[in-house]
Amino acid sequence: MCTNISINAYNVRELWVCIGDFLQKMVMKTGLYTNMFDGDDTDRQILLALQQDGRLTNNDLADQVGLSPSQCSRRRSRLEESQFIRGYHAQLDMERAGVGMICIVSITLASHNADNAKLFGELVASLPTVLEAYSLTGEMDYLLKVITKDLKSFSEFINTVLLPHESVANVKTSIVLDTLKDTSALPLD
């Protein structure tokens, strides 16, 4: 129980655990977060550690999660074989890679049928500057996250690739001014 805790050098960890428990209960009560991960705590610890640093050696990972290296290796292999871990990637610095702009593009299709949706999907899959693409409900049919070198490149992309495409009826664009959050880490705790 977390009542009447006096703070000293010996119980700071206990205080943080109580604060974490309190915050988790408040979030669960408000319905802001629902835990989607159904693995055990050790798998969760492995996944959280690898999301932070995918280059962890097996020995370092085992030390972090409190397993022997062989147990940790078996669990990691199982998570990889089951496709829960889909790969390991380097996160590149966009500026250093020459990306000057991130743009959000909303698309409305010319017609709403399976053939047109497939045609648009093939177009999007062939465009390396489209980092993410989502099919939506609501006013727009698709939302794209697009990167370009500069405004001229973005204009060319819109005017020579998207607008002339037979599957596209309407395009709305927004340019990202500032990135407030950029993560691919899933909340497993």
N, C-alpha and C. Protein backbone atom coordinates (compact mmCIF):
# COMPACT_ATOMS: atom_id res chain seq x y z
N MET A 1 0.85 -1.18 0.00
CA MET A 1 0.00 0.00 0.00
C MET A 1 0.89 1.23 0.00
N CYS A 2 0.44 2.30 -0.61
CA CYS A 2 1.24 3.50 -0.81
C CYS A 2 0.84 4.64 0.12
N THR A 3 0.45 4.36 1.34
CA THR A 3 0.08 5.43 2.25
C THR A 3 1.20 5.68 3.23
N ASN A 4 1.32 6.91 3.66
CA ASN A 4 2.31 7.30 4.67
C ASN A 4 3.73 6.89 4.34
N ILE A 5 4.18 7.22 3.14
CA ILE A 5 5.56 6.91 2.75
C ILE A 5 6.43 8.10 3.11
N SER A 6 7.49 7.84 3.85
CA SER A 6 8.46 8.91 4.10
C SER A 6 9.60 8.74 3.09
N ILE A 7 10.04 9.85 2.54
CA ILE A 7 11.04 9.80 1.47
C ILE A 7 12.42 9.78 2.09
N ASN A 8 13.18 8.75 1.74
CA ASN A 8 14.60 8.70 2.11
C ASN A 8 15.34 7.94 1.03
N ALA A 9 16.63 7.83 1.16
CA ALA A 9 17.46 7.20 0.13
C ALA A 9 17.10 5.74 -0.09
N TYR A 10 16.46 5.10 0.87
CA TYR A 10 16.19 3.68 0.76
C TYR A 10 14.84 3.35 0.10
N ASN A 11 13.94 4.30 0.06
CA ASN A 11 12.63 3.95 -0.48
C ASN A 11 12.20 4.81 -1.67
N VAL A 12 13.11 5.45 -2.36
CA VAL A 12 12.77 6.24 -3.53
C VAL A 12 12.14 5.35 -4.60
N ARG A 13 12.69 4.15 -4.79
CA ARG A 13 12.12 3.22 -5.77
C ARG A 13 10.68 2.89 -5.42
N GLU A 14 10.42 2.63 -4.14
CA GLU A 14 9.07 2.32 -3.69
C GLU A 14 8.12 3.49 -3.98
N LEU A 15 8.59 4.71 -3.77
CA LEU A 15 7.79 5.89 -4.07
C LEU A 15 7.45 5.96 -5.55
N TRP A 16 8.44 5.72 -6.41
CA TRP A 16 8.19 5.75 -7.87
C TRP A 16 7.22 4.66 -8.29
N VAL A 17 7.32 3.49 -7.67
CA VAL A 17 6.37 2.41 -7.97
C VAL A 17 4.96 2.84 -7.59
N CYS A 18 4.80 3.48 -6.44
CA CYS A 18 3.47 3.94 -6.01
C CYS A 18 2.93 5.01 -6.95
N ILE A 19 3.78 5.94 -7.34
CA ILE A 19 3.35 6.99 -8.27
C ILE A 19 2.92 6.35 -9.59
N GLY A 20 3.73 5.41 -10.09
CA GLY A 20 3.41 4.71 -11.34
C GLY A 20 2.09 3.96 -11.23
N ASP A 21 1.89 3.26 -10.12
CA ASP A 21 0.64 2.53 -9.91
C ASP A 21 -0.56 3.48 -9.90
N PHE A 22 -0.40 4.61 -9.18
CA PHE A 22 -1.47 5.60 -9.12
C PHE A 22 -1.82 6.13 -10.52
N LEU A 23 -0.79 6.52 -11.28
CA LEU A 23 -1.03 7.06 -12.62
C LEU A 23 -1.67 6.02 -13.53
N GLN A 24 -1.20 4.77 -13.43
CA GLN A 24 -1.78 3.71 -14.26
C GLN A 24 -3.26 3.51 -13.92
N LYS A 25 -3.61 3.53 -12.63
CA LYS A 25 -5.01 3.37 -12.23
C LYS A 25 -5.86 4.53 -12.75
N MET A 26 -5.31 5.74 -12.69
CA MET A 26 -6.07 6.91 -13.16
C MET A 26 -6.30 6.83 -14.67
N VAL A 27 -5.28 6.41 -15.40
CA VAL A 27 -5.41 6.30 -16.85
C VAL A 27 -6.42 5.21 -17.20
N MET A 28 -6.36 4.08 -16.51
CA MET A 28 -7.30 2.99 -16.78
C MET A 28 -8.74 3.42 -16.45
N LYS A 29 -8.92 4.15 -15.35
CA LYS A 29 -10.26 4.60 -14.96
C LYS A 29 -10.85 5.54 -15.99
N THR A 30 -10.03 6.40 -16.54
CA THR A 30 -10.54 7.39 -17.50
C THR A 30 -10.74 6.79 -18.87
N GLY A 31 -10.23 5.59 -19.11
CA GLY A 31 -10.39 4.96 -20.41
C GLY A 31 -9.47 5.51 -21.48
N LEU A 32 -8.44 6.27 -21.08
CA LEU A 32 -7.53 6.85 -22.05
C LEU A 32 -6.60 5.82 -22.66
N TYR A 33 -6.41 4.72 -21.98
CA TYR A 33 -5.45 3.74 -22.47
C TYR A 33 -5.97 2.35 -22.18
N THR A 34 -5.89 1.50 -23.15
CA THR A 34 -6.24 0.10 -22.98
C THR A 34 -5.04 -0.72 -23.40
N ASN A 35 -4.56 -1.57 -22.53
CA ASN A 35 -3.39 -2.37 -22.84
C ASN A 35 -3.76 -3.42 -23.88
N MET A 36 -3.07 -3.39 -25.02
CA MET A 36 -3.38 -4.31 -26.11
C MET A 36 -2.44 -5.52 -26.11
N PHE A 37 -1.38 -5.46 -25.33
CA PHE A 37 -0.39 -6.53 -25.32
C PHE A 37 -0.82 -7.60 -24.33
N ASP A 38 -0.85 -8.84 -24.77
CA ASP A 38 -1.31 -9.90 -23.88
C ASP A 38 -0.20 -10.89 -23.52
N GLY A 39 1.07 -10.54 -23.77
CA GLY A 39 2.18 -11.40 -23.38
C GLY A 39 2.48 -11.26 -21.90
N ASP A 40 3.45 -12.03 -21.42
CA ASP A 40 3.80 -11.92 -20.01
C ASP A 40 4.75 -10.75 -19.77
N ASP A 41 5.03 -10.47 -18.50
CA ASP A 41 5.86 -9.32 -18.14
C ASP A 41 7.27 -9.41 -18.70
N THR A 42 7.82 -10.60 -18.78
CA THR A 42 9.19 -10.75 -19.29
C THR A 42 9.23 -10.44 -20.78
N ASP A 43 8.26 -10.94 -21.54
CA ASP A 43 8.19 -10.59 -22.97
C ASP A 43 8.02 -9.08 -23.13
N ARG A 44 7.19 -8.49 -22.30
CA ARG A 44 6.96 -7.05 -22.34
C ARG A 44 8.27 -6.30 -22.10
N GLN A 45 9.03 -6.72 -21.10
CA GLN A 45 10.32 -6.07 -20.79
C GLN A 45 11.29 -6.21 -21.96
N ILE A 46 11.31 -7.37 -22.58
CA ILE A 46 12.19 -7.60 -23.74
C ILE A 46 11.80 -6.66 -24.87
N LEU A 47 10.51 -6.58 -25.16
CA LEU A 47 10.04 -5.74 -26.27
C LEU A 47 10.29 -4.26 -25.99
N LEU A 48 10.04 -3.82 -24.77
CA LEU A 48 10.29 -2.42 -24.43
C LEU A 48 11.77 -2.08 -24.57
N ALA A 49 12.64 -2.97 -24.09
CA ALA A 49 14.09 -2.73 -24.18
C ALA A 49 14.54 -2.68 -25.64
N LEU A 50 14.03 -3.59 -26.47
CA LEU A 50 14.43 -3.62 -27.88
C LEU A 50 13.86 -2.43 -28.65
N GLN A 51 12.69 -1.93 -28.25
CA GLN A 51 12.18 -0.72 -28.90
C GLN A 51 13.08 0.48 -28.61
N GLN A 52 13.68 0.50 -27.44
CA GLN A 52 14.58 1.59 -27.08
C GLN A 52 15.94 1.44 -27.76
N ASP A 53 16.42 0.19 -27.88
CA ASP A 53 17.73 -0.06 -28.49
C ASP A 53 17.71 -1.44 -29.13
N GLY A 54 17.45 -1.49 -30.42
CA GLY A 54 17.38 -2.75 -31.15
C GLY A 54 18.74 -3.42 -31.33
N ARG A 55 19.82 -2.71 -30.96
CA ARG A 55 21.17 -3.28 -31.11
C ARG A 55 21.67 -3.95 -29.84
N LEU A 56 20.82 -4.08 -28.83
CA LEU A 56 21.25 -4.72 -27.59
C LEU A 56 21.75 -6.13 -27.87
N THR A 57 22.89 -6.46 -27.31
CA THR A 57 23.36 -7.84 -27.42
C THR A 57 22.47 -8.72 -26.55
N ASN A 58 22.48 -9.99 -26.81
CA ASN A 58 21.65 -10.90 -26.03
C ASN A 58 22.04 -10.85 -24.55
N ASN A 59 23.34 -10.78 -24.26
CA ASN A 59 23.78 -10.72 -22.86
C ASN A 59 23.29 -9.45 -22.17
N ASP A 60 23.38 -8.31 -22.85
CA ASP A 60 22.91 -7.05 -22.26
C ASP A 60 21.40 -7.09 -22.05
N LEU A 61 20.68 -7.62 -23.03
CA LEU A 61 19.23 -7.73 -22.91
C LEU A 61 18.87 -8.66 -21.75
N ALA A 62 19.55 -9.79 -21.64
CA ALA A 62 19.29 -10.74 -20.55
C ALA A 62 19.52 -10.08 -19.20
N ASP A 63 20.60 -9.31 -19.07
CA ASP A 63 20.87 -8.59 -17.81
C ASP A 63 19.75 -7.61 -17.49
N GLN A 64 19.28 -6.90 -18.51
CA GLN A 64 18.24 -5.89 -18.31
C GLN A 64 16.93 -6.49 -17.84
N VAL A 65 16.58 -7.67 -18.35
CA VAL A 65 15.27 -8.25 -18.02
C VAL A 65 15.36 -9.35 -16.96
N GLY A 66 16.56 -9.64 -16.49
CA GLY A 66 16.72 -10.59 -15.40
C GLY A 66 16.58 -12.05 -15.80
N LEU A 67 17.05 -12.40 -16.99
CA LEU A 67 17.03 -13.79 -17.44
C LEU A 67 18.45 -14.25 -17.73
N SER A 68 18.61 -15.56 -17.85
CA SER A 68 19.88 -16.07 -18.33
C SER A 68 19.96 -15.77 -19.83
N PRO A 69 21.17 -15.68 -20.40
CA PRO A 69 21.28 -15.41 -21.83
C PRO A 69 20.54 -16.43 -22.70
N SER A 70 20.58 -17.71 -22.31
CA SER A 70 19.91 -18.73 -23.13
C SER A 70 18.39 -18.57 -23.09
N GLN A 71 17.82 -18.29 -21.91
CA GLN A 71 16.37 -18.07 -21.80
C GLN A 71 15.97 -16.84 -22.61
N CYS A 72 16.76 -15.79 -22.50
CA CYS A 72 16.47 -14.55 -23.21
C CYS A 72 16.52 -14.77 -24.72
N SER A 73 17.52 -15.51 -25.17
CA SER A 73 17.65 -15.79 -26.60
C SER A 73 16.45 -16.58 -27.12
N ARG A 74 16.00 -17.58 -26.35
CA ARG A 74 14.84 -18.36 -26.77
C ARG A 74 13.59 -17.49 -26.87
N ARG A 75 13.39 -16.62 -25.89
CA ARG A 75 12.21 -15.74 -25.92
C ARG A 75 12.28 -14.77 -27.09
N ARG A 76 13.46 -14.19 -27.30
CA ARG A 76 13.63 -13.25 -28.41
C ARG A 76 13.39 -13.94 -29.74
N SER A 77 13.93 -15.14 -29.90
CA SER A 77 13.73 -15.91 -31.14
C SER A 77 12.25 -16.22 -31.35
N ARG A 78 11.55 -16.58 -30.28
CA ARG A 78 10.12 -16.87 -30.38
C ARG A 78 9.35 -15.62 -30.81
N LEU A 79 9.71 -14.47 -30.26
CA LEU A 79 9.04 -13.22 -30.63
C LEU A 79 9.33 -12.85 -32.09
N GLU A 80 10.51 -13.17 -32.57
CA GLU A 80 10.86 -12.91 -33.97
C GLU A 80 10.14 -13.89 -34.90
N GLU A 81 10.14 -15.19 -34.54
CA GLU A 81 9.51 -16.21 -35.39
C GLU A 81 7.99 -16.01 -35.49
N SER A 82 7.38 -15.51 -34.42
CA SER A 82 5.94 -15.28 -34.44
C SER A 82 5.58 -13.95 -35.11
N GLN A 83 6.60 -13.25 -35.61
CA GLN A 83 6.43 -11.96 -36.29
C GLN A 83 5.94 -10.86 -35.35
N PHE A 84 6.05 -11.08 -34.03
CA PHE A 84 5.76 -9.98 -33.11
C PHE A 84 6.83 -8.92 -33.26
N ILE A 85 8.08 -9.35 -33.41
CA ILE A 85 9.17 -8.45 -33.80
C ILE A 85 9.33 -8.63 -35.30
N ARG A 86 9.00 -7.59 -36.06
CA ARG A 86 9.01 -7.69 -37.52
C ARG A 86 10.34 -7.30 -38.13
N GLY A 87 11.24 -6.72 -37.37
CA GLY A 87 12.54 -6.35 -37.93
C GLY A 87 13.25 -5.37 -37.03
N TYR A 88 14.46 -5.05 -37.39
CA TYR A 88 15.29 -4.09 -36.68
C TYR A 88 15.74 -3.04 -37.69
N HIS A 89 15.56 -1.77 -37.35
CA HIS A 89 15.82 -0.71 -38.32
C HIS A 89 16.63 0.41 -37.69
N ALA A 90 17.42 1.08 -38.52
CA ALA A 90 18.11 2.29 -38.08
C ALA A 90 17.17 3.47 -38.28
N GLN A 91 17.13 4.36 -37.31
CA GLN A 91 16.32 5.58 -37.44
C GLN A 91 17.24 6.68 -37.95
N LEU A 92 16.99 7.13 -39.16
CA LEU A 92 17.85 8.12 -39.80
C LEU A 92 17.42 9.53 -39.46
N ASP A 93 18.37 10.43 -39.45
CA ASP A 93 18.09 11.85 -39.26
C ASP A 93 17.59 12.41 -40.59
N MET A 94 16.35 12.90 -40.62
CA MET A 94 15.74 13.35 -41.88
C MET A 94 16.51 14.51 -42.50
N GLU A 95 16.92 15.47 -41.69
CA GLU A 95 17.66 16.61 -42.24
C GLU A 95 18.94 16.17 -42.92
N ARG A 96 19.70 15.32 -42.26
CA ARG A 96 20.96 14.83 -42.84
C ARG A 96 20.74 13.99 -44.08
N ALA A 97 19.56 13.39 -44.18
CA ALA A 97 19.23 12.58 -45.36
C ALA A 97 18.67 13.43 -46.49
N GLY A 98 18.58 14.75 -46.28
CA GLY A 98 18.13 15.64 -47.34
C GLY A 98 16.64 15.92 -47.36
N VAL A 99 15.92 15.49 -46.33
CA VAL A 99 14.49 15.75 -46.27
C VAL A 99 14.29 17.15 -45.71
N GLY A 100 13.67 18.01 -46.48
CA GLY A 100 13.43 19.38 -46.06
C GLY A 100 12.03 19.63 -45.57
N MET A 101 11.11 18.76 -45.99
CA MET A 101 9.70 18.98 -45.64
C MET A 101 8.99 17.65 -45.38
N ILE A 102 8.09 17.72 -44.41
CA ILE A 102 7.15 16.64 -44.17
C ILE A 102 5.78 17.22 -44.49
N CYS A 103 5.02 16.50 -45.29
CA CYS A 103 3.72 17.00 -45.74
C CYS A 103 2.64 15.96 -45.47
N ILE A 104 1.47 16.44 -45.15
CA ILE A 104 0.31 15.58 -44.97
C ILE A 104 -0.63 15.84 -46.14
N VAL A 105 -1.00 14.77 -46.83
CA VAL A 105 -1.83 14.90 -48.02
C VAL A 105 -3.10 14.07 -47.83
N SER A 106 -4.24 14.73 -48.01
CA SER A 106 -5.54 14.05 -47.94
C SER A 106 -6.03 13.83 -49.37
N ILE A 107 -6.53 12.65 -49.64
CA ILE A 107 -6.95 12.26 -50.99
C ILE A 107 -8.41 11.81 -50.98
N THR A 108 -9.16 12.25 -51.96
CA THR A 108 -10.48 11.71 -52.23
C THR A 108 -10.40 11.01 -53.58
N LEU A 109 -10.89 9.79 -53.64
CA LEU A 109 -10.84 9.03 -54.88
C LEU A 109 -11.92 9.49 -55.86
N ALA A 110 -11.64 9.27 -57.15
CA ALA A 110 -12.58 9.64 -58.21
C ALA A 110 -13.85 8.79 -58.14
N SER A 111 -13.69 7.52 -57.83
CA SER A 111 -14.85 6.65 -57.65
C SER A 111 -14.53 5.67 -56.53
N HIS A 112 -15.57 5.21 -55.87
CA HIS A 112 -15.40 4.33 -54.72
C HIS A 112 -15.75 2.90 -55.09
N ASN A 113 -14.79 2.25 -55.70
CA ASN A 113 -14.96 0.83 -56.01
C ASN A 113 -13.62 0.13 -55.78
N ALA A 114 -13.67 -1.18 -55.75
CA ALA A 114 -12.48 -1.98 -55.43
C ALA A 114 -11.35 -1.77 -56.44
N ASP A 115 -11.68 -1.65 -57.72
CA ASP A 115 -10.64 -1.47 -58.74
C ASP A 115 -9.91 -0.14 -58.57
N ASN A 116 -10.65 0.92 -58.29
CA ASN A 116 -10.04 2.22 -58.12
C ASN A 116 -9.18 2.26 -56.85
N ALA A 117 -9.67 1.66 -55.78
CA ALA A 117 -8.91 1.59 -54.54
C ALA A 117 -7.62 0.80 -54.75
N LYS A 118 -7.69 -0.30 -55.51
CA LYS A 118 -6.51 -1.10 -55.80
C LYS A 118 -5.52 -0.29 -56.63
N LEU A 119 -6.00 0.43 -57.61
CA LEU A 119 -5.16 1.27 -58.46
C LEU A 119 -4.43 2.33 -57.63
N PHE A 120 -5.16 2.97 -56.72
CA PHE A 120 -4.54 3.98 -55.86
C PHE A 120 -3.53 3.33 -54.92
N GLY A 121 -3.87 2.18 -54.37
CA GLY A 121 -2.95 1.45 -53.49
C GLY A 121 -1.65 1.10 -54.19
N GLU A 122 -1.73 0.69 -55.44
CA GLU A 122 -0.53 0.37 -56.22
C GLU A 122 0.32 1.62 -56.45
N LEU A 123 -0.35 2.75 -56.73
CA LEU A 123 0.38 4.01 -56.90
C LEU A 123 1.15 4.34 -55.64
N VAL A 124 0.47 4.33 -54.51
CA VAL A 124 1.09 4.69 -53.23
C VAL A 124 2.25 3.75 -52.90
N ALA A 125 2.07 2.47 -53.13
CA ALA A 125 3.13 1.49 -52.84
C ALA A 125 4.37 1.75 -53.68
N SER A 126 4.21 2.35 -54.85
CA SER A 126 5.35 2.59 -55.74
C SER A 126 6.08 3.90 -55.46
N LEU A 127 5.60 4.69 -54.51
CA LEU A 127 6.18 6.01 -54.25
C LEU A 127 7.03 6.00 -52.98
N PRO A 128 8.35 6.04 -53.13
CA PRO A 128 9.23 5.98 -51.95
C PRO A 128 9.12 7.20 -51.04
N THR A 129 8.64 8.33 -51.54
CA THR A 129 8.51 9.52 -50.69
C THR A 129 7.26 9.49 -49.82
N VAL A 130 6.38 8.52 -50.06
CA VAL A 130 5.23 8.32 -49.18
C VAL A 130 5.66 7.36 -48.08
N LEU A 131 5.80 7.91 -46.87
CA LEU A 131 6.26 7.09 -45.74
C LEU A 131 5.12 6.30 -45.09
N GLU A 132 3.95 6.91 -45.05
CA GLU A 132 2.80 6.26 -44.42
C GLU A 132 1.56 6.57 -45.25
N ALA A 133 0.64 5.63 -45.29
CA ALA A 133 -0.62 5.83 -46.02
C ALA A 133 -1.73 5.11 -45.27
N TYR A 134 -2.83 5.82 -45.08
CA TYR A 134 -3.94 5.28 -44.30
C TYR A 134 -5.25 5.44 -45.07
N SER A 135 -6.06 4.40 -45.06
CA SER A 135 -7.42 4.47 -45.57
C SER A 135 -8.29 4.96 -44.43
N LEU A 136 -9.18 5.93 -44.71
CA LEU A 136 -9.93 6.59 -43.65
C LEU A 136 -11.43 6.45 -43.80
N THR A 137 -12.12 6.72 -42.71
CA THR A 137 -13.55 6.98 -42.76
C THR A 137 -13.69 8.50 -42.78
N GLY A 138 -14.84 8.98 -43.15
CA GLY A 138 -15.06 10.42 -43.10
C GLY A 138 -14.95 11.09 -44.46
N GLU A 139 -14.65 12.38 -44.43
CA GLU A 139 -14.66 13.22 -45.64
C GLU A 139 -13.62 12.78 -46.67
N MET A 140 -12.40 12.51 -46.25
CA MET A 140 -11.33 12.12 -47.17
C MET A 140 -11.17 10.60 -47.14
N ASP A 141 -10.70 10.06 -48.25
CA ASP A 141 -10.55 8.60 -48.35
C ASP A 141 -9.20 8.10 -47.84
N TYR A 142 -8.14 8.89 -48.06
CA TYR A 142 -6.79 8.48 -47.69
C TYR A 142 -6.02 9.65 -47.10
N LEU A 143 -5.09 9.32 -46.22
CA LEU A 143 -4.17 10.30 -45.65
C LEU A 143 -2.76 9.78 -45.86
N LEU A 144 -1.90 10.62 -46.44
CA LEU A 144 -0.52 10.24 -46.73
C LEU A 144 0.45 11.13 -45.95
N LYS A 145 1.52 10.53 -45.48
CA LYS A 145 2.64 11.29 -44.92
C LYS A 145 3.74 11.23 -45.98
N VAL A 146 4.07 12.40 -46.51
CA VAL A 146 4.99 12.50 -47.65
C VAL A 146 6.20 13.33 -47.24
N ILE A 147 7.38 12.90 -47.67
CA ILE A 147 8.59 13.70 -47.44
C ILE A 147 9.12 14.19 -48.78
N THR A 148 9.65 15.41 -48.79
CA THR A 148 10.26 15.95 -49.99
C THR A 148 11.46 16.80 -49.60
N LYS A 149 12.26 17.13 -50.60
CA LYS A 149 13.45 17.94 -50.38
C LYS A 149 13.08 19.40 -50.10
N ASP A 150 12.09 19.91 -50.84
CA ASP A 150 11.72 21.33 -50.73
C ASP A 150 10.33 21.54 -51.30
N LEU A 151 9.87 22.77 -51.27
CA LEU A 151 8.53 23.10 -51.75
C LEU A 151 8.37 22.81 -53.24
N LYS A 152 9.40 23.07 -54.02
CA LYS A 152 9.33 22.79 -55.45
C LYS A 152 9.12 21.29 -55.71
N SER A 153 9.85 20.45 -54.99
CA SER A 153 9.71 19.00 -55.14
C SER A 153 8.30 18.55 -54.73
N PHE A 154 7.78 19.15 -53.68
CA PHE A 154 6.43 18.80 -53.23
C PHE A 154 5.40 19.20 -54.28
N SER A 155 5.55 20.40 -54.84
CA SER A 155 4.65 20.86 -55.89
C SER A 155 4.68 19.93 -57.09
N GLU A 156 5.87 19.50 -57.48
CA GLU A 156 6.00 18.56 -58.61
C GLU A 156 5.33 17.23 -58.29
N PHE A 157 5.50 16.76 -57.08
CA PHE A 157 4.87 15.50 -56.65
C PHE A 157 3.34 15.60 -56.77
N ILE A 158 2.78 16.69 -56.26
CA ILE A 158 1.33 16.87 -56.31
C ILE A 158 0.86 17.00 -57.76
N ASN A 159 1.53 17.86 -58.53
CA ASN A 159 1.06 18.21 -59.88
C ASN A 159 1.38 17.18 -60.96
N THR A 160 2.41 16.39 -60.76
CA THR A 160 2.77 15.42 -61.81
C THR A 160 2.50 13.97 -61.44
N VAL A 161 2.29 13.71 -60.14
CA VAL A 161 2.07 12.32 -59.72
C VAL A 161 0.63 12.11 -59.23
N LEU A 162 0.22 12.89 -58.23
CA LEU A 162 -1.10 12.64 -57.63
C LEU A 162 -2.26 13.17 -58.46
N LEU A 163 -2.25 14.46 -58.77
CA LEU A 163 -3.41 15.04 -59.46
C LEU A 163 -3.73 14.41 -60.81
N PRO A 164 -2.72 14.08 -61.64
CA PRO A 164 -3.06 13.47 -62.93
C PRO A 164 -3.49 12.00 -62.85
N HIS A 165 -3.29 11.36 -61.71
CA HIS A 165 -3.60 9.93 -61.62
C HIS A 165 -5.10 9.70 -61.74
N GLU A 166 -5.47 8.71 -62.51
CA GLU A 166 -6.88 8.46 -62.81
C GLU A 166 -7.73 8.10 -61.60
N SER A 167 -7.12 7.61 -60.54
CA SER A 167 -7.91 7.22 -59.37
C SER A 167 -8.22 8.39 -58.45
N VAL A 168 -7.53 9.52 -58.63
CA VAL A 168 -7.61 10.65 -57.70
C VAL A 168 -8.58 11.72 -58.20
N ALA A 169 -9.48 12.17 -57.30
CA ALA A 169 -10.41 13.25 -57.64
C ALA A 169 -10.00 14.56 -56.97
N ASN A 170 -9.57 14.48 -55.70
CA ASN A 170 -9.31 15.69 -54.94
C ASN A 170 -8.09 15.48 -54.04
N VAL A 171 -7.27 16.54 -53.94
CA VAL A 171 -6.08 16.50 -53.09
C VAL A 171 -6.07 17.74 -52.21
N LYS A 172 -5.88 17.54 -50.92
CA LYS A 172 -5.69 18.65 -49.98
C LYS A 172 -4.35 18.44 -49.29
N THR A 173 -3.58 19.51 -49.15
CA THR A 173 -2.23 19.37 -48.60
C THR A 173 -2.03 20.26 -47.37
N SER A 174 -1.15 19.82 -46.51
CA SER A 174 -0.70 20.59 -45.36
C SER A 174 0.79 20.34 -45.21
N ILE A 175 1.51 21.38 -44.84
CA ILE A 175 2.95 21.26 -44.60
C ILE A 175 3.19 21.27 -43.10
N VAL A 176 3.96 20.31 -42.63
CA VAL A 176 4.26 20.21 -41.20
C VAL A 176 5.22 21.33 -40.82
N LEU A 177 4.83 22.11 -39.82
CA LEU A 177 5.69 23.19 -39.34
C LEU A 177 6.66 22.70 -38.28
N ASP A 178 6.20 21.81 -37.41
CA ASP A 178 7.03 21.31 -36.33
C ASP A 178 6.53 19.92 -35.93
N THR A 179 7.44 19.03 -35.62
CA THR A 179 7.09 17.68 -35.18
C THR A 179 7.09 17.66 -33.66
N LEU A 180 5.92 17.45 -33.08
CA LEU A 180 5.80 17.44 -31.63
C LEU A 180 6.11 16.06 -31.04
N LYS A 181 5.81 15.02 -31.80
CA LYS A 181 6.10 13.66 -31.34
C LYS A 181 6.32 12.79 -32.55
N ASP A 182 7.36 11.99 -32.51
CA ASP A 182 7.70 11.10 -33.61
C ASP A 182 8.26 9.81 -33.02
N THR A 183 7.42 8.82 -32.93
CA THR A 183 7.87 7.54 -32.37
C THR A 183 7.17 6.40 -33.07
N SER A 184 7.83 5.28 -33.10
CA SER A 184 7.18 4.07 -33.59
C SER A 184 7.09 3.04 -32.45
N ALA A 185 7.53 3.45 -31.25
CA ALA A 185 7.49 2.56 -30.08
C ALA A 185 6.05 2.37 -29.63
N LEU A 186 5.64 1.13 -29.43
CA LEU A 186 4.29 0.82 -28.97
C LEU A 186 4.24 0.85 -27.44
N PRO A 187 3.16 1.37 -26.86
CA PRO A 187 3.05 1.39 -25.39
C PRO A 187 2.63 0.02 -24.86
N LEU A 188 3.58 -0.72 -24.36
CA LEU A 188 3.30 -2.08 -23.91
C LEU A 188 3.13 -2.20 -22.39
N ASP A 189 3.42 -1.14 -21.66
CA ASP A 189 3.33 -1.25 -20.21
C ASP A 189 2.03 -0.74 -19.67
